[in-house]
Amino acid sequence: AEAMNCKAKMPGGSDSIDMETWWFEDVSVLRIDH
């Protein structure tokens, strides 16, 4: 379910999700080694 929610949380829902860049913002919080 969480994977599907990743799409749903994007602006416009899963139909408008950028299938390549949707994850950039979430992982930008990681420390450099991670």
PDB file of all heavy atoms in Angstrom:
ATOM      1  N   ALA A   1       0.814  -1.214   0.000  1.00  0.00           N
ATOM      2  CA  ALA A   1       0.000   0.000   0.000  1.00  0.00           C
ATOM      3  C   ALA A   1       0.846   1.262   0.000  1.00  0.00           C
ATOM      4  O   ALA A   1       0.491   2.254  -0.625  1.00  0.00           O
ATOM      5  CB  ALA A   1      -0.906  -0.008   1.232  1.00  0.00           C
ATOM      6  N   GLU A   2       1.963   1.246   0.701  1.00  0.00           N
ATOM      7  CA  GLU A   2       2.785   2.457   0.801  1.00  0.00           C
ATOM      8  C   GLU A   2       3.302   2.881  -0.558  1.00  0.00           C
ATOM      9  O   GLU A   2       3.382   4.064  -0.863  1.00  0.00           O
ATOM     10  CB  GLU A   2       3.970   2.208   1.744  1.00  0.00           C
ATOM     11  CG  GLU A   2       4.885   3.412   1.946  1.00  0.00           C
ATOM     12  CD  GLU A   2       4.237   4.494   2.766  1.00  0.00           C
ATOM     13  OE1 GLU A   2       3.226   4.224   3.419  1.00  0.00           O
ATOM     14  OE2 GLU A   2       4.750   5.631   2.740  1.00  0.00           O
ATOM     15  N   ALA A   3       3.651   1.918  -1.395  1.00  0.00           N
ATOM     16  CA  ALA A   3       4.148   2.255  -2.728  1.00  0.00           C
ATOM     17  C   ALA A   3       3.089   2.981  -3.528  1.00  0.00           C
ATOM     18  O   ALA A   3       3.373   3.944  -4.243  1.00  0.00           O
ATOM     19  CB  ALA A   3       4.577   0.995  -3.462  1.00  0.00           C
ATOM     20  N   MET A   4       1.876   2.516  -3.407  1.00  0.00           N
ATOM     21  CA  MET A   4       0.796   3.184  -4.117  1.00  0.00           C
ATOM     22  C   MET A   4       0.547   4.583  -3.560  1.00  0.00           C
ATOM     23  O   MET A   4       0.192   5.508  -4.278  1.00  0.00           O
ATOM     24  CB  MET A   4      -0.482   2.360  -4.016  1.00  0.00           C
ATOM     25  CG  MET A   4      -0.355   0.954  -4.623  1.00  0.00           C
ATOM     26  SD  MET A   4       0.169   0.980  -6.371  1.00  0.00           S
ATOM     27  CE  MET A   4       1.908   0.544  -6.218  1.00  0.00           C
ATOM     28  N   ASN A   5       0.747   4.747  -2.248  1.00  0.00           N
ATOM     29  CA  ASN A   5       0.571   6.059  -1.639  1.00  0.00           C
ATOM     30  C   ASN A   5       1.629   7.045  -2.109  1.00  0.00           C
ATOM     31  O   ASN A   5       1.420   8.251  -2.092  1.00  0.00           O
ATOM     32  CB  ASN A   5       0.623   5.950  -0.114  1.00  0.00           C
ATOM     33  CG  ASN A   5      -0.618   5.286   0.445  1.00  0.00           C
ATOM     34  OD1 ASN A   5      -1.667   5.269  -0.201  1.00  0.00           O
ATOM     35  ND2 ASN A   5      -0.506   4.743   1.638  1.00  0.00           N
ATOM     36  N   CYS A   6       2.811   6.518  -2.501  1.00  0.00           N
ATOM     37  CA  CYS A   6       3.852   7.382  -3.029  1.00  0.00           C
ATOM     38  C   CYS A   6       3.348   8.116  -4.262  1.00  0.00           C
ATOM     39  O   CYS A   6       3.648   9.287  -4.477  1.00  0.00           O
ATOM     40  CB  CYS A   6       5.099   6.563  -3.398  1.00  0.00           C
ATOM     41  SG  CYS A   6       6.029   5.973  -1.984  1.00  0.00           S
ATOM     42  N   LYS A   7       2.572   7.426  -5.077  1.00  0.00           N
ATOM     43  CA  LYS A   7       2.007   8.063  -6.254  1.00  0.00           C
ATOM     44  C   LYS A   7       0.885   9.020  -5.866  1.00  0.00           C
ATOM     45  O   LYS A   7       0.781  10.124  -6.376  1.00  0.00           O
ATOM     46  CB  LYS A   7       1.455   7.007  -7.218  1.00  0.00           C
ATOM     47  CG  LYS A   7       2.513   6.136  -7.858  1.00  0.00           C
ATOM     48  CD  LYS A   7       1.876   5.199  -8.873  1.00  0.00           C
ATOM     49  CE  LYS A   7       2.916   4.332  -9.555  1.00  0.00           C
ATOM     50  NZ  LYS A   7       2.297   3.438 -10.563  1.00  0.00           N
ATOM     51  N   ALA A   8       0.042   8.573  -4.950  1.00  0.00           N
ATOM     52  CA  ALA A   8      -1.133   9.360  -4.592  1.00  0.00           C
ATOM     53  C   ALA A   8      -0.769  10.691  -3.955  1.00  0.00           C
ATOM     54  O   ALA A   8      -1.513  11.657  -4.055  1.00  0.00           O
ATOM     55  CB  ALA A   8      -2.015   8.557  -3.639  1.00  0.00           C
ATOM     56  N   LYS A   9       0.388  10.748  -3.273  1.00  0.00           N
ATOM     57  CA  LYS A   9       0.733  11.975  -2.559  1.00  0.00           C
ATOM     58  C   LYS A   9       1.260  13.062  -3.493  1.00  0.00           C
ATOM     59  O   LYS A   9       1.386  14.213  -3.097  1.00  0.00           O
ATOM     60  CB  LYS A   9       1.785  11.694  -1.488  1.00  0.00           C
ATOM     61  CG  LYS A   9       3.182  11.400  -2.052  1.00  0.00           C
ATOM     62  CD  LYS A   9       4.169  11.176  -0.939  1.00  0.00           C
ATOM     63  CE  LYS A   9       5.577  10.934  -1.500  1.00  0.00           C
ATOM     64  NZ  LYS A   9       6.555  10.731  -0.435  1.00  0.00           N
ATOM     65  N   MET A  10       1.559  12.700  -4.752  1.00  0.00           N
ATOM     66  CA  MET A  10       2.061  13.681  -5.687  1.00  0.00           C
ATOM     67  C   MET A  10       0.944  14.603  -6.143  1.00  0.00           C
ATOM     68  O   MET A  10      -0.219  14.224  -6.157  1.00  0.00           O
ATOM     69  CB  MET A  10       2.682  12.979  -6.905  1.00  0.00           C
ATOM     70  CG  MET A  10       3.816  12.049  -6.553  1.00  0.00           C
ATOM     71  SD  MET A  10       5.159  12.873  -5.696  1.00  0.00           S
ATOM     72  CE  MET A  10       5.767  13.936  -6.999  1.00  0.00           C
ATOM     73  N   PRO A  11       1.264  15.856  -6.525  1.00  0.00           N
ATOM     74  CA  PRO A  11       0.235  16.788  -6.990  1.00  0.00           C
ATOM     75  C   PRO A  11      -0.533  16.203  -8.158  1.00  0.00           C
ATOM     76  O   PRO A  11       0.058  15.751  -9.132  1.00  0.00           O
ATOM     77  CB  PRO A  11       1.049  18.023  -7.417  1.00  0.00           C
ATOM     78  CG  PRO A  11       2.304  17.931  -6.632  1.00  0.00           C
ATOM     79  CD  PRO A  11       2.591  16.460  -6.476  1.00  0.00           C
ATOM     80  N   GLY A  12      -1.852  16.179  -8.060  1.00  0.00           N
ATOM     81  CA  GLY A  12      -2.664  15.658  -9.148  1.00  0.00           C
ATOM     82  C   GLY A  12      -2.876  14.168  -9.093  1.00  0.00           C
ATOM     83  O   GLY A  12      -3.576  13.609  -9.929  1.00  0.00           O
ATOM     84  N   GLY A  13      -2.249  13.501  -8.119  1.00  0.00           N
ATOM     85  CA  GLY A  13      -2.449  12.059  -8.001  1.00  0.00           C
ATOM     86  C   GLY A  13      -1.576  11.278  -8.960  1.00  0.00           C
ATOM     87  O   GLY A  13      -0.686  11.800  -9.612  1.00  0.00           O
ATOM     88  N   SER A  14      -1.843   9.989  -9.058  1.00  0.00           N
ATOM     89  CA  SER A  14      -0.975   9.090  -9.816  1.00  0.00           C
ATOM     90  C   SER A  14      -0.977   9.376 -11.301  1.00  0.00           C
ATOM     91  O   SER A  14      -0.044   9.028 -11.999  1.00  0.00           O
ATOM     92  CB  SER A  14      -1.394   7.638  -9.564  1.00  0.00           C
ATOM     93  OG  SER A  14      -2.745   7.451  -9.960  1.00  0.00           O
ATOM     94  N   ASP A  15      -2.029  10.020 -11.830  1.00  0.00           N
ATOM     95  CA  ASP A  15      -2.085  10.268 -13.256  1.00  0.00           C
ATOM     96  C   ASP A  15      -1.075  11.324 -13.693  1.00  0.00           C
ATOM     97  O   ASP A  15      -0.636  11.334 -14.833  1.00  0.00           O
ATOM     98  CB  ASP A  15      -3.497  10.730 -13.667  1.00  0.00           C
ATOM     99  CG  ASP A  15      -4.514   9.597 -13.516  1.00  0.00           C
ATOM    100  OD1 ASP A  15      -4.079   8.430 -13.533  1.00  0.00           O
ATOM    101  OD2 ASP A  15      -5.708   9.902 -13.379  1.00  0.00           O
ATOM    102  N   SER A  16      -0.735  12.237 -12.780  1.00  0.00           N
ATOM    103  CA  SER A  16       0.172  13.314 -13.149  1.00  0.00           C
ATOM    104  C   SER A  16       1.570  13.144 -12.577  1.00  0.00           C
ATOM    105  O   SER A  16       2.392  14.033 -12.693  1.00  0.00           O
ATOM    106  CB  SER A  16      -0.388  14.666 -12.674  1.00  0.00           C
ATOM    107  OG  SER A  16      -0.423  14.694 -11.259  1.00  0.00           O
ATOM    108  N   ILE A  17       1.849  12.032 -11.953  1.00  0.00           N
ATOM    109  CA  ILE A  17       3.149  11.834 -11.318  1.00  0.00           C
ATOM    110  C   ILE A  17       4.265  11.780 -12.353  1.00  0.00           C
ATOM    111  O   ILE A  17       4.112  11.215 -13.434  1.00  0.00           O
ATOM    112  CB  ILE A  17       3.147  10.533 -10.484  1.00  0.00           C
ATOM    113  CG1 ILE A  17       4.460  10.393  -9.707  1.00  0.00           C
ATOM    114  CG2 ILE A  17       2.955   9.314 -11.352  1.00  0.00           C
ATOM    115  CD1 ILE A  17       4.463   9.226  -8.755  1.00  0.00           C
ATOM    116  N   ASP A  18       5.377  12.417 -12.035  1.00  0.00           N
ATOM    117  CA  ASP A  18       6.567  12.297 -12.858  1.00  0.00           C
ATOM    118  C   ASP A  18       7.238  10.992 -12.460  1.00  0.00           C
ATOM    119  O   ASP A  18       7.800  10.873 -11.370  1.00  0.00           O
ATOM    120  CB  ASP A  18       7.497  13.488 -12.611  1.00  0.00           C
ATOM    121  CG  ASP A  18       8.679  13.502 -13.566  1.00  0.00           C
ATOM    122  OD1 ASP A  18       9.092  12.402 -13.987  1.00  0.00           O
ATOM    123  OD2 ASP A  18       9.173  14.586 -13.886  1.00  0.00           O
ATOM    124  N   MET A  19       7.198  10.029 -13.322  1.00  0.00           N
ATOM    125  CA  MET A  19       7.648   8.688 -12.975  1.00  0.00           C
ATOM    126  C   MET A  19       9.166   8.604 -12.744  1.00  0.00           C
ATOM    127  O   MET A  19       9.670   7.582 -12.315  1.00  0.00           O
ATOM    128  CB  MET A  19       7.241   7.697 -14.076  1.00  0.00           C
ATOM    129  CG  MET A  19       5.737   7.603 -14.266  1.00  0.00           C
ATOM    130  SD  MET A  19       4.874   7.096 -12.759  1.00  0.00           S
ATOM    131  CE  MET A  19       5.317   5.371 -12.682  1.00  0.00           C
ATOM    132  N   GLU A  20       9.890   9.662 -13.063  1.00  0.00           N
ATOM    133  CA  GLU A  20      11.338   9.632 -12.883  1.00  0.00           C
ATOM    134  C   GLU A  20      11.805  10.474 -11.696  1.00  0.00           C
ATOM    135  O   GLU A  20      12.793  10.152 -11.055  1.00  0.00           O
ATOM    136  CB  GLU A  20      12.032  10.126 -14.157  1.00  0.00           C
ATOM    137  CG  GLU A  20      11.858   9.191 -15.347  1.00  0.00           C
ATOM    138  CD  GLU A  20      12.630   9.669 -16.559  1.00  0.00           C
ATOM    139  OE1 GLU A  20      13.088  10.825 -16.549  1.00  0.00           O
ATOM    140  OE2 GLU A  20      12.766   8.895 -17.516  1.00  0.00           O
ATOM    141  N   THR A  21      11.093  11.567 -11.380  1.00  0.00           N
ATOM    142  CA  THR A  21      11.604  12.518 -10.387  1.00  0.00           C
ATOM    143  C   THR A  21      10.803  12.570  -9.097  1.00  0.00           C
ATOM    144  O   THR A  21      11.148  13.355  -8.207  1.00  0.00           O
ATOM    145  CB  THR A  21      11.643  13.936 -10.992  1.00  0.00           C
ATOM    146  OG1 THR A  21      10.298  14.354 -11.283  1.00  0.00           O
ATOM    147  CG2 THR A  21      12.451  13.965 -12.275  1.00  0.00           C
ATOM    148  N   TRP A  22       9.780  11.758  -8.959  1.00  0.00           N
ATOM    149  CA  TRP A  22       8.895  11.848  -7.789  1.00  0.00           C
ATOM    150  C   TRP A  22       9.617  11.636  -6.461  1.00  0.00           C
ATOM    151  O   TRP A  22       9.192  12.125  -5.417  1.00  0.00           O
ATOM    152  CB  TRP A  22       7.757  10.832  -7.909  1.00  0.00           C
ATOM    153  CG  TRP A  22       8.228   9.410  -7.950  1.00  0.00           C
ATOM    154  CD1 TRP A  22       8.521   8.676  -9.059  1.00  0.00           C
ATOM    155  CD2 TRP A  22       8.459   8.540  -6.842  1.00  0.00           C
ATOM    156  NE1 TRP A  22       8.940   7.416  -8.724  1.00  0.00           N
ATOM    157  CE2 TRP A  22       8.905   7.301  -7.358  1.00  0.00           C
ATOM    158  CE3 TRP A  22       8.337   8.681  -5.462  1.00  0.00           C
ATOM    159  CZ2 TRP A  22       9.221   6.222  -6.541  1.00  0.00           C
ATOM    160  CZ3 TRP A  22       8.661   7.604  -4.650  1.00  0.00           C
ATOM    161  CH2 TRP A  22       9.092   6.390  -5.195  1.00  0.00           C
ATOM    162  N   TRP A  23      10.728  10.959  -6.476  1.00  0.00           N
ATOM    163  CA  TRP A  23      11.419  10.580  -5.249  1.00  0.00           C
ATOM    164  C   TRP A  23      12.531  11.552  -4.855  1.00  0.00           C
ATOM    165  O   TRP A  23      13.118  11.425  -3.782  1.00  0.00           O
ATOM    166  CB  TRP A  23      12.006   9.184  -5.405  1.00  0.00           C
ATOM    167  CG  TRP A  23      12.852   8.990  -6.641  1.00  0.00           C
ATOM    168  CD1 TRP A  23      12.409   8.896  -7.940  1.00  0.00           C
ATOM    169  CD2 TRP A  23      14.268   8.846  -6.716  1.00  0.00           C
ATOM    170  NE1 TRP A  23      13.466   8.705  -8.792  1.00  0.00           N
ATOM    171  CE2 TRP A  23      14.608   8.660  -8.080  1.00  0.00           C
ATOM    172  CE3 TRP A  23      15.276   8.835  -5.755  1.00  0.00           C
ATOM    173  CZ2 TRP A  23      15.923   8.490  -8.504  1.00  0.00           C
ATOM    174  CZ3 TRP A  23      16.586   8.655  -6.167  1.00  0.00           C
ATOM    175  CH2 TRP A  23      16.898   8.480  -7.531  1.00  0.00           C
ATOM    176  N   PHE A  24      12.832  12.535  -5.693  1.00  0.00           N
ATOM    177  CA  PHE A  24      13.971  13.420  -5.457  1.00  0.00           C
ATOM    178  C   PHE A  24      13.848  14.176  -4.135  1.00  0.00           C
ATOM    179  O   PHE A  24      14.800  14.257  -3.362  1.00  0.00           O
ATOM    180  CB  PHE A  24      14.124  14.428  -6.597  1.00  0.00           C
ATOM    181  CG  PHE A  24      14.601  13.833  -7.902  1.00  0.00           C
ATOM    182  CD1 PHE A  24      14.807  12.473  -8.034  1.00  0.00           C
ATOM    183  CD2 PHE A  24      14.848  14.643  -8.998  1.00  0.00           C
ATOM    184  CE1 PHE A  24      15.252  11.924  -9.227  1.00  0.00           C
ATOM    185  CE2 PHE A  24      15.293  14.115 -10.190  1.00  0.00           C
ATOM    186  CZ  PHE A  24      15.491  12.749 -10.315  1.00  0.00           C
ATOM    187  N   GLU A  25      12.689  14.759  -3.881  1.00  0.00           N
ATOM    188  CA  GLU A  25      12.502  15.584  -2.693  1.00  0.00           C
ATOM    189  C   GLU A  25      12.664  14.766  -1.421  1.00  0.00           C
ATOM    190  O   GLU A  25      13.316  15.211  -0.460  1.00  0.00           O
ATOM    191  CB  GLU A  25      11.118  16.242  -2.735  1.00  0.00           C
ATOM    192  CG  GLU A  25      10.790  17.075  -1.503  1.00  0.00           C
ATOM    193  CD  GLU A  25      11.691  18.285  -1.347  1.00  0.00           C
ATOM    194  OE1 GLU A  25      12.223  18.778  -2.365  1.00  0.00           O
ATOM    195  OE2 GLU A  25      11.864  18.739  -0.200  1.00  0.00           O
ATOM    196  N   ASP A  26      12.099  13.569  -1.386  1.00  0.00           N
ATOM    197  CA  ASP A  26      12.163  12.750  -0.173  1.00  0.00           C
ATOM    198  C   ASP A  26      13.596  12.361   0.182  1.00  0.00           C
ATOM    199  O   ASP A  26      13.986  12.389   1.349  1.00  0.00           O
ATOM    200  CB  ASP A  26      11.314  11.489  -0.349  1.00  0.00           C
ATOM    201  CG  ASP A  26       9.822  11.788  -0.309  1.00  0.00           C
ATOM    202  OD1 ASP A  26       9.463  12.891   0.136  1.00  0.00           O
ATOM    203  OD2 ASP A  26       9.037  10.931  -0.728  1.00  0.00           O
ATOM    204  N   VAL A  27      14.386  11.986  -0.817  1.00  0.00           N
ATOM    205  CA  VAL A  27      15.751  11.518  -0.518  1.00  0.00           C
ATOM    206  C   VAL A  27      16.733  12.669  -0.364  1.00  0.00           C
ATOM    207  O   VAL A  27      17.886  12.438   0.029  1.00  0.00           O
ATOM    208  CB  VAL A  27      16.255  10.541  -1.608  1.00  0.00           C
ATOM    209  CG1 VAL A  27      15.313   9.366  -1.750  1.00  0.00           C
ATOM    210  CG2 VAL A  27      16.447  11.239  -2.953  1.00  0.00           C
ATOM    211  N   SER A  28      16.303  13.896  -0.633  1.00  0.00           N
ATOM    212  CA  SER A  28      17.212  15.032  -0.487  1.00  0.00           C
ATOM    213  C   SER A  28      17.554  15.317   0.973  1.00  0.00           C
ATOM    214  O   SER A  28      18.476  16.081   1.258  1.00  0.00           O
ATOM    215  CB  SER A  28      16.615  16.286  -1.139  1.00  0.00           C
ATOM    216  OG  SER A  28      15.460  16.709  -0.443  1.00  0.00           O
ATOM    217  N   VAL A  29      16.824  14.714   1.910  1.00  0.00           N
ATOM    218  CA  VAL A  29      17.108  14.923   3.336  1.00  0.00           C
ATOM    219  C   VAL A  29      18.233  14.029   3.828  1.00  0.00           C
ATOM    220  O   VAL A  29      18.721  14.197   4.949  1.00  0.00           O
ATOM    221  CB  VAL A  29      15.845  14.667   4.183  1.00  0.00           C
ATOM    222  CG1 VAL A  29      14.707  15.561   3.736  1.00  0.00           C
ATOM    223  CG2 VAL A  29      15.414  13.196   4.133  1.00  0.00           C
ATOM    224  N   LEU A  30      18.654  13.075   3.027  1.00  0.00           N
ATOM    225  CA  LEU A  30      19.647  12.104   3.481  1.00  0.00           C
ATOM    226  C   LEU A  30      21.038  12.719   3.581  1.00  0.00           C
ATOM    227  O   LEU A  30      21.413  13.584   2.783  1.00  0.00           O
ATOM    228  CB  LEU A  30      19.688  10.910   2.523  1.00  0.00           C
ATOM    229  CG  LEU A  30      18.426  10.073   2.416  1.00  0.00           C
ATOM    230  CD1 LEU A  30      18.614   8.942   1.409  1.00  0.00           C
ATOM    231  CD2 LEU A  30      18.011   9.505   3.769  1.00  0.00           C
ATOM    232  N   ARG A  31      21.790  12.242   4.537  1.00  0.00           N
ATOM    233  CA  ARG A  31      23.188  12.636   4.678  1.00  0.00           C
ATOM    234  C   ARG A  31      23.982  12.089   3.496  1.00  0.00           C
ATOM    235  O   ARG A  31      23.598  11.104   2.874  1.00  0.00           O
ATOM    236  CB  ARG A  31      23.737  12.103   6.003  1.00  0.00           C
ATOM    237  CG  ARG A  31      25.037  12.744   6.463  1.00  0.00           C
ATOM    238  CD  ARG A  31      25.384  12.251   7.852  1.00  0.00           C
ATOM    239  NE  ARG A  31      25.608  10.813   7.872  1.00  0.00           N
ATOM    240  CZ  ARG A  31      25.813  10.091   8.976  1.00  0.00           C
ATOM    241  NH1 ARG A  31      25.798  10.701  10.156  1.00  0.00           N
ATOM    242  NH2 ARG A  31      26.020   8.795   8.913  1.00  0.00           N
ATOM    243  N   ILE A  32      25.122  12.698   3.187  1.00  0.00           N
ATOM    244  CA  ILE A  32      25.849  12.373   1.970  1.00  0.00           C
ATOM    245  C   ILE A  32      26.221  10.898   1.875  1.00  0.00           C
ATOM    246  O   ILE A  32      26.107  10.291   0.813  1.00  0.00           O
ATOM    247  CB  ILE A  32      27.121  13.259   1.833  1.00  0.00           C
ATOM    248  CG1 ILE A  32      27.841  12.952   0.517  1.00  0.00           C
ATOM    249  CG2 ILE A  32      28.021  13.095   3.021  1.00  0.00           C
ATOM    250  CD1 ILE A  32      27.032  13.221  -0.718  1.00  0.00           C
ATOM    251  N   ASP A  33      26.667  10.274   2.981  1.00  0.00           N
ATOM    252  CA  ASP A  33      27.065   8.873   2.894  1.00  0.00           C
ATOM    253  C   ASP A  33      25.873   7.973   2.590  1.00  0.00           C
ATOM    254  O   ASP A  33      25.980   7.023   1.804  1.00  0.00           O
ATOM    255  CB  ASP A  33      27.776   8.417   4.175  1.00  0.00           C
ATOM    256  CG  ASP A  33      26.948   8.690   5.420  1.00  0.00           C
ATOM    257  OD1 ASP A  33      26.094   9.593   5.401  1.00  0.00           O
ATOM    258  OD2 ASP A  33      27.151   7.987   6.433  1.00  0.00           O
ATOM    259  N   HIS A  34      24.710   8.285   3.187  1.00  0.00           N
ATOM    260  CA  HIS A  34      23.519   7.508   2.902  1.00  0.00           C
ATOM    261  C   HIS A  34      23.019   7.781   1.485  1.00  0.00           C
ATOM    262  O   HIS A  34      22.536   6.871   0.803  1.00  0.00           O
ATOM    263  CB  HIS A  34      22.418   7.832   3.909  1.00  0.00           C
ATOM    264  CG  HIS A  34      22.772   7.428   5.302  1.00  0.00           C
ATOM    265  ND1 HIS A  34      22.207   8.018   6.423  1.00  0.00           N
ATOM    266  CD2 HIS A  34      23.648   6.503   5.777  1.00  0.00           C
ATOM    267  CE1 HIS A  34      22.714   7.463   7.513  1.00  0.00           C
ATOM    268  NE2 HIS A  34      23.596   6.544   7.145  1.00  0.00           N
TER     269      HIS A  34
END
